[in-house]
Protein backbone atom coordinates (compact mmCIF):
# COMPACT_ATOMS: atom_id res chain seq x y z
CA UNK A 1 58.12 -276.78 0.38
CA UNK A 2 60.37 -274.71 -1.85
CA UNK A 3 58.71 -273.96 -5.16
CA UNK A 4 59.22 -272.16 -8.44
CA UNK A 5 57.39 -269.18 -9.86
CA UNK A 6 56.16 -270.25 -13.28
CA UNK A 7 54.68 -273.40 -14.72
CA UNK A 8 53.83 -276.34 -12.47
CA UNK A 9 55.88 -278.74 -10.38
CA UNK A 10 56.02 -282.52 -10.73
CA UNK A 11 53.34 -282.67 -8.03
CA UNK A 12 51.01 -280.46 -10.08
CA UNK A 13 51.18 -277.59 -7.57
CA UNK A 14 51.44 -273.99 -8.73
CA UNK A 15 54.95 -272.95 -7.62
CA UNK A 16 56.14 -269.74 -5.97
CA UNK A 17 59.57 -268.08 -5.71
CA UNK A 18 62.19 -269.53 -3.39
CA UNK A 19 65.47 -268.26 -1.95
CA UNK A 20 68.47 -270.06 -3.41
CA UNK A 21 72.21 -269.58 -3.03
CA UNK A 22 74.66 -270.64 -5.74
CA UNK A 23 78.33 -270.98 -4.80
CA UNK A 24 80.70 -271.34 -7.74
CA UNK A 25 80.22 -269.32 -10.91
CA UNK A 26 82.00 -271.26 -13.60
CA UNK A 27 80.02 -271.82 -16.82
CA UNK A 28 77.72 -274.33 -15.08
CA UNK A 29 77.16 -272.19 -11.99
CA UNK A 30 76.35 -269.15 -14.12
CA UNK A 31 73.91 -271.18 -16.23
CA UNK A 32 72.18 -272.51 -13.11
CA UNK A 33 71.91 -269.05 -11.59
CA UNK A 34 70.37 -267.81 -14.81
CA UNK A 35 67.84 -270.65 -14.79
CA UNK A 36 66.82 -269.86 -11.22
CA UNK A 37 66.42 -266.20 -12.10
CA UNK A 38 64.33 -267.12 -15.14
CA UNK A 39 61.91 -268.91 -12.79
CA UNK A 40 61.64 -265.86 -10.56
CA UNK A 41 63.71 -267.19 -7.65
CA UNK A 42 65.61 -264.92 -5.27
CA UNK A 43 69.23 -265.88 -5.95
CA UNK A 44 72.31 -265.05 -3.90
CA UNK A 45 75.68 -265.89 -5.44
CA UNK A 46 79.29 -266.09 -4.33
CA UNK A 47 82.49 -266.77 -6.22
CA UNK A 48 86.18 -266.31 -5.45
CA UNK A 49 86.36 -264.02 -8.49
CA UNK A 50 83.45 -261.60 -7.87
CA UNK A 51 83.49 -260.18 -11.41
CA UNK A 52 82.01 -263.44 -12.74
CA UNK A 53 78.76 -262.38 -11.09
CA UNK A 54 78.47 -259.02 -12.87
CA UNK A 55 76.03 -260.11 -15.59
CA UNK A 56 73.97 -262.08 -13.07
CA UNK A 57 73.76 -259.15 -10.68
CA UNK A 58 72.52 -257.05 -13.59
CA UNK A 59 69.72 -259.60 -13.97
CA UNK A 60 68.76 -259.45 -10.29
CA UNK A 61 71.08 -261.81 -8.42
CA UNK A 62 72.59 -260.62 -5.14
CA UNK A 63 76.36 -260.93 -4.79
CA UNK A 64 77.40 -261.92 -1.27
CA UNK A 65 80.64 -260.45 0.05
CA UNK A 66 81.69 -263.74 1.65
CA UNK A 67 80.82 -267.42 1.42
CA UNK A 68 79.44 -267.22 4.94
CA UNK A 69 77.11 -264.41 3.93
CA UNK A 70 75.99 -266.46 0.92
CA UNK A 71 75.18 -269.45 3.13
CA UNK A 72 73.16 -267.25 5.47
CA UNK A 73 70.95 -265.99 2.66
CA UNK A 74 69.17 -269.27 1.86
CA UNK A 75 68.28 -272.64 3.28
CA UNK A 76 68.92 -274.19 -0.15
CA UNK A 77 72.53 -273.86 -1.29
CA UNK A 78 73.75 -275.18 -4.65
CA UNK A 79 77.47 -275.93 -4.90
CA UNK A 80 79.03 -275.97 -8.37
CA UNK A 81 82.77 -276.32 -7.83
CA UNK A 82 85.63 -278.22 -9.44
CA UNK A 83 85.92 -281.03 -6.88
CA UNK A 84 85.40 -281.77 -3.20
CA UNK A 85 88.78 -280.27 -2.30
CA UNK A 86 87.39 -276.99 -3.61
CA UNK A 87 84.22 -277.53 -1.57
CA UNK A 88 86.23 -277.95 1.63
CA UNK A 89 88.40 -274.96 0.74
CA UNK A 90 85.26 -272.81 0.66
CA UNK A 91 83.24 -274.31 3.51
CA UNK A 92 86.07 -274.90 5.97
CA UNK A 93 86.56 -271.17 6.19
CA UNK A 94 83.06 -270.43 7.48
CA UNK A 95 81.78 -270.69 11.03
CA UNK A 96 80.08 -274.07 11.65
CA UNK A 97 76.92 -272.23 12.65
CA UNK A 98 76.67 -270.85 9.11
CA UNK A 99 76.10 -274.39 7.83
CA UNK A 100 73.56 -275.46 10.44
CA UNK A 101 70.13 -276.12 8.94
CA UNK A 102 71.29 -275.71 5.37
CA UNK A 103 70.55 -278.11 2.51
CA UNK A 104 73.65 -278.34 0.34
CA UNK A 105 72.87 -279.57 -3.15
CA UNK A 106 76.39 -280.57 -4.12
CA UNK A 107 76.62 -280.72 -7.89
CA UNK A 108 80.41 -280.92 -7.72
CA UNK A 109 81.97 -283.82 -9.61
CA UNK A 110 84.06 -286.28 -7.60
CA UNK A 111 84.18 -289.91 -6.52
CA UNK A 112 81.38 -291.76 -4.69
CA UNK A 113 83.65 -292.16 -1.65
CA UNK A 114 84.28 -288.42 -1.50
CA UNK A 115 80.57 -287.71 -1.87
CA UNK A 116 79.81 -289.97 1.10
CA UNK A 117 82.59 -288.41 3.16
CA UNK A 118 81.34 -284.96 2.21
CA UNK A 119 77.82 -285.84 3.35
CA UNK A 120 79.20 -286.95 6.71
CA UNK A 121 81.28 -283.79 7.00
CA UNK A 122 78.33 -281.46 6.46
CA UNK A 123 76.09 -283.56 8.72
CA UNK A 124 78.59 -283.08 11.54
CA UNK A 125 78.00 -279.35 11.10
CA UNK A 126 74.22 -279.61 11.16
CA UNK A 127 73.63 -279.50 7.40
CA UNK A 128 72.26 -282.01 4.91
CA UNK A 129 73.85 -282.91 1.59
CA UNK A 130 71.97 -283.89 -1.52
CA UNK A 131 74.47 -285.19 -4.07
CA UNK A 132 73.85 -284.42 -7.72
CA UNK A 133 75.31 -285.22 -11.11
CA UNK A 134 74.30 -282.98 -14.02
CA UNK A 135 74.11 -284.96 -17.25
CA UNK A 136 74.16 -282.01 -19.64
CA UNK A 137 76.55 -279.15 -20.46
CA UNK A 138 75.69 -275.59 -19.38
CA UNK A 139 73.70 -275.11 -22.58
CA UNK A 140 71.25 -277.77 -21.36
CA UNK A 141 70.47 -276.04 -18.07
CA UNK A 142 66.91 -274.74 -17.94
CA UNK A 143 65.63 -277.44 -20.32
CA UNK A 144 63.14 -279.79 -18.60
CA UNK A 145 64.16 -282.52 -21.05
CA UNK A 146 67.68 -282.45 -19.58
CA UNK A 147 68.41 -284.54 -16.51
CA UNK A 148 70.30 -284.43 -13.22
CA UNK A 149 70.90 -287.44 -10.99
CA UNK A 150 70.26 -286.95 -7.27
CA UNK A 151 70.73 -289.04 -4.14
CA UNK A 152 70.51 -288.40 -0.42
CA UNK A 153 67.68 -288.12 2.13
CA UNK A 154 64.51 -288.48 0.10
CA UNK A 155 62.31 -286.28 2.27
CA UNK A 156 64.79 -283.42 1.97
CA UNK A 157 65.12 -283.90 -1.77
CA UNK A 158 61.35 -283.97 -2.29
CA UNK A 159 60.95 -280.76 -0.28
CA UNK A 160 63.25 -278.95 -2.70
CA UNK A 161 62.50 -280.81 -5.91
CA UNK A 162 60.24 -278.06 -7.32
CA UNK A 163 63.03 -275.51 -6.98
CA UNK A 164 65.64 -277.83 -8.50
CA UNK A 165 63.34 -278.46 -11.47
CA UNK A 166 64.27 -274.97 -12.64
CA UNK A 167 67.62 -276.48 -13.63
CA UNK A 168 66.69 -279.75 -15.37
CA UNK A 169 64.44 -282.71 -14.98
CA UNK A 170 65.21 -284.56 -11.73
CA UNK A 171 66.20 -288.22 -11.47
CA UNK A 172 66.24 -289.26 -7.80
CA UNK A 173 68.07 -292.56 -7.25
CA UNK A 174 68.05 -293.26 -3.51
CA UNK A 175 69.26 -292.37 -0.04
CA UNK A 176 72.95 -293.25 -0.49
CA UNK A 177 74.74 -289.89 -1.00
CA UNK A 178 77.40 -291.64 -3.07
CA UNK A 179 75.01 -293.18 -5.58
CA UNK A 180 74.44 -290.09 -7.73
CA UNK A 181 78.22 -289.55 -7.84
CA UNK A 182 78.76 -293.16 -8.90
CA UNK A 183 76.17 -293.02 -11.67
CA UNK A 184 77.56 -289.70 -12.85
CA UNK A 185 81.07 -291.15 -13.14
CA UNK A 186 79.70 -294.19 -15.00
CA UNK A 187 78.11 -291.75 -17.42
CA UNK A 188 81.34 -289.81 -17.80
CA UNK A 189 83.56 -292.84 -18.47
CA UNK A 190 81.30 -293.69 -21.40
CA UNK A 191 81.08 -290.08 -22.55
CA UNK A 192 84.78 -289.24 -22.46
CA UNK A 193 85.88 -292.56 -23.94
CA UNK A 194 83.39 -292.27 -26.79
CA UNK A 195 84.16 -288.63 -27.50
CA UNK A 196 87.91 -289.30 -27.39
CA UNK A 197 87.43 -292.06 -29.95
CA UNK A 198 85.79 -289.45 -32.16
CA UNK A 199 88.78 -287.09 -31.77
CA UNK A 200 91.01 -290.05 -32.71
CA UNK A 201 88.95 -290.66 -35.84
CA UNK A 202 89.06 -286.97 -36.79
CA UNK A 203 92.87 -286.95 -36.46
CA UNK A 204 93.17 -290.09 -38.59
CA UNK A 205 90.80 -288.66 -41.19
CA UNK A 206 92.78 -285.40 -41.32
CA UNK A 207 95.96 -287.34 -42.04
CA UNK A 208 94.25 -288.56 -45.21
CA UNK A 209 92.88 -285.17 -46.26
CA UNK A 210 89.37 -285.61 -44.87
CA UNK A 211 87.49 -283.07 -42.74
CA UNK A 212 85.42 -283.75 -39.65
CA UNK A 213 82.35 -282.94 -41.77
CA UNK A 214 83.30 -285.73 -44.18
CA UNK A 215 83.05 -288.38 -41.48
CA UNK A 216 80.11 -286.96 -39.53
CA UNK A 217 77.53 -289.45 -40.87
CA UNK A 218 79.95 -292.30 -40.17
CA UNK A 219 80.58 -291.02 -36.64
CA UNK A 220 76.89 -290.63 -35.85
CA UNK A 221 76.24 -294.20 -36.97
CA UNK A 222 79.28 -295.67 -35.18
CA UNK A 223 78.58 -293.94 -31.87
CA UNK A 224 74.93 -294.95 -31.79
CA UNK A 225 75.47 -298.17 -29.85
CA UNK A 226 71.84 -298.72 -28.90
CA UNK A 227 71.42 -302.05 -30.68
CA UNK A 228 74.69 -303.37 -29.25
CA UNK A 229 73.86 -302.28 -25.71
CA UNK A 230 70.42 -303.85 -25.89
CA UNK A 231 71.95 -307.10 -27.18
CA UNK A 232 74.79 -307.36 -24.68
CA UNK A 233 73.07 -306.14 -21.49
CA UNK A 234 71.01 -309.27 -20.66
CA UNK A 235 73.89 -311.55 -21.64
CA UNK A 236 76.42 -309.71 -19.50
CA UNK A 237 74.03 -309.67 -16.52
CA UNK A 238 73.65 -313.44 -16.96
CA UNK A 239 77.43 -313.90 -17.19
CA UNK A 240 77.02 -315.21 -20.73
CA UNK A 241 80.03 -314.37 -22.90
CA UNK A 242 79.40 -317.03 -25.52
CA UNK A 243 81.25 -316.31 -28.75
CA UNK A 244 78.34 -317.14 -31.01
CA UNK A 245 78.03 -313.66 -32.52
CA UNK A 246 81.49 -312.17 -32.03
CA UNK A 247 84.83 -313.45 -30.79
CA UNK A 248 87.51 -311.64 -28.86
CA UNK A 249 90.24 -312.96 -31.18
CA UNK A 250 88.60 -311.23 -34.14
CA UNK A 251 88.09 -308.07 -32.11
CA UNK A 252 91.79 -308.05 -31.25
CA UNK A 253 92.71 -308.35 -34.92
CA UNK A 254 90.43 -305.42 -35.74
CA UNK A 255 91.90 -303.32 -32.91
CA UNK A 256 95.38 -304.01 -34.29
CA UNK A 257 94.30 -302.85 -37.75
CA UNK A 258 93.04 -299.59 -36.24
CA UNK A 259 96.37 -299.04 -34.47
CA UNK A 260 98.37 -299.65 -37.65
CA UNK A 261 96.11 -297.36 -39.68
CA UNK A 262 96.81 -294.57 -37.18
CA UNK A 263 100.56 -295.05 -36.90
CA UNK A 264 101.05 -295.62 -40.64
CA UNK A 265 99.59 -292.13 -41.15
CA UNK A 266 101.85 -290.60 -38.49
CA UNK A 267 98.96 -290.12 -36.07
CA UNK A 268 99.33 -290.64 -32.32
CA UNK A 269 98.41 -294.24 -31.54
CA UNK A 270 98.18 -294.08 -27.73
CA UNK A 271 94.41 -294.55 -27.63
CA UNK A 272 94.12 -297.49 -30.06
CA UNK A 273 97.22 -299.04 -28.46
CA UNK A 274 95.49 -298.94 -25.07
CA UNK A 275 92.43 -300.64 -26.59
CA UNK A 276 94.59 -303.30 -28.21
CA UNK A 277 96.41 -303.89 -24.92
CA UNK A 278 93.08 -304.62 -23.24
CA UNK A 279 92.14 -307.08 -25.97
CA UNK A 280 95.52 -308.80 -25.61
CA UNK A 281 94.95 -309.15 -21.87
CA UNK A 282 91.67 -310.86 -22.67
CA UNK A 283 93.41 -313.23 -25.07
CA UNK A 284 96.09 -314.02 -22.48
CA UNK A 285 93.33 -314.87 -20.00
CA UNK A 286 91.96 -317.49 -22.42
CA UNK A 287 88.95 -315.57 -23.78
CA UNK A 288 89.93 -315.70 -27.47
CA UNK A 289 86.90 -317.80 -28.45
CA UNK A 290 84.54 -315.86 -26.19
CA UNK A 291 82.56 -312.72 -26.98
CA UNK A 292 84.29 -309.37 -26.71
CA UNK A 293 81.96 -308.80 -23.75
CA UNK A 294 84.33 -311.05 -21.80
CA UNK A 295 86.51 -307.96 -21.46
CA UNK A 296 84.15 -307.02 -18.63
CA UNK A 297 85.73 -309.82 -16.61
CA UNK A 298 89.21 -308.46 -17.38
CA UNK A 299 88.21 -304.94 -16.40
CA UNK A 300 86.88 -306.13 -13.05
CA UNK A 301 90.49 -306.74 -12.06
CA UNK A 302 93.08 -303.97 -11.89
CA UNK A 303 95.95 -304.31 -14.35
CA UNK A 304 99.24 -305.09 -12.63
C-alpha cells in the first residue's frame, strides 16, 4: 500500500514515503506537488512549460524531461490538466507500454461521459483510472478538512488512499469512473451560478455608489441557503411542488423587479434576464400556483 511519511492514515497505520508523479503544473498541480513534498513523498513532475517546476525542483521534486519519463518514475500518477483533450494530447504521445501498470488519478475537470471514455482508453493500455474532483481551490490543498471526490475501482483507490490524503480528505463515491466527475460538475454549477449572482449584486451596488464591503453581510446571509435546501430537498424528492409556502408567480414578479433594478441603473441585465426567462417558462407550463421548486421539472427538459 502506498503511504505517507507523517501523521497517520485513515486506517490508523503509520505511513511511509511513496513515489508519485504529477503531470500538469498549473496552480492546482503546483499546490498538489507541494503537498506531496510536505509529506515526504518522492515526487516527479512534468509540464509542457518546464520553468513552472523551478520552485518545486528547489524543494526536492524531480523534473522529468518527457511525459513518458514522468510516467515511468511512479506507479501512482496524478493528472491535473485543463480537460480530457489535454490529457489525450499528453498521453497519446507516449508509448503504450509506458502506461501499463500505472494508476492514473485523473483530477482533470470534464464531463462524466468523457471520464468514462477516458477510463476505457487507459484500461486498453493496461492502466487504471481513478477519477477525482477537487472541491477546493489551490489554497485548500494540504488541508485535511478540504475534500476531493473519487470514483473508480475501490481496491485500487484504497491502496493509494493514504498517499492521496496528503492532498485533502478523500470522499470515495463508488466504482463508476464517471460518478466523481458528475458530482464535481453538480458542485460547480451551484458554485459558479451562486458566485456569478454575487458579481451581479456587486455591479448593481456599484451603480448606486456602494462598495462590495457594504453588501458583504447581506451577501453572506443571502448565499447561505442551508435552511432552504433542507426544506426543499425532501419535497423535491417526493415530487411535491405544492405552493403552500411560495408560488412561482410571485417568484417571477420578484425576478422581474431584479432585472429592472439592474437595467434602470445601466447595469448588464443578462443574468437576471436569464433567470426571469426560466420563471416565465415555468408560468407558461402552468406552474404559476406551484412552488418555485417546480422549476426543477422545467429544467429536466432542454429549452427549445
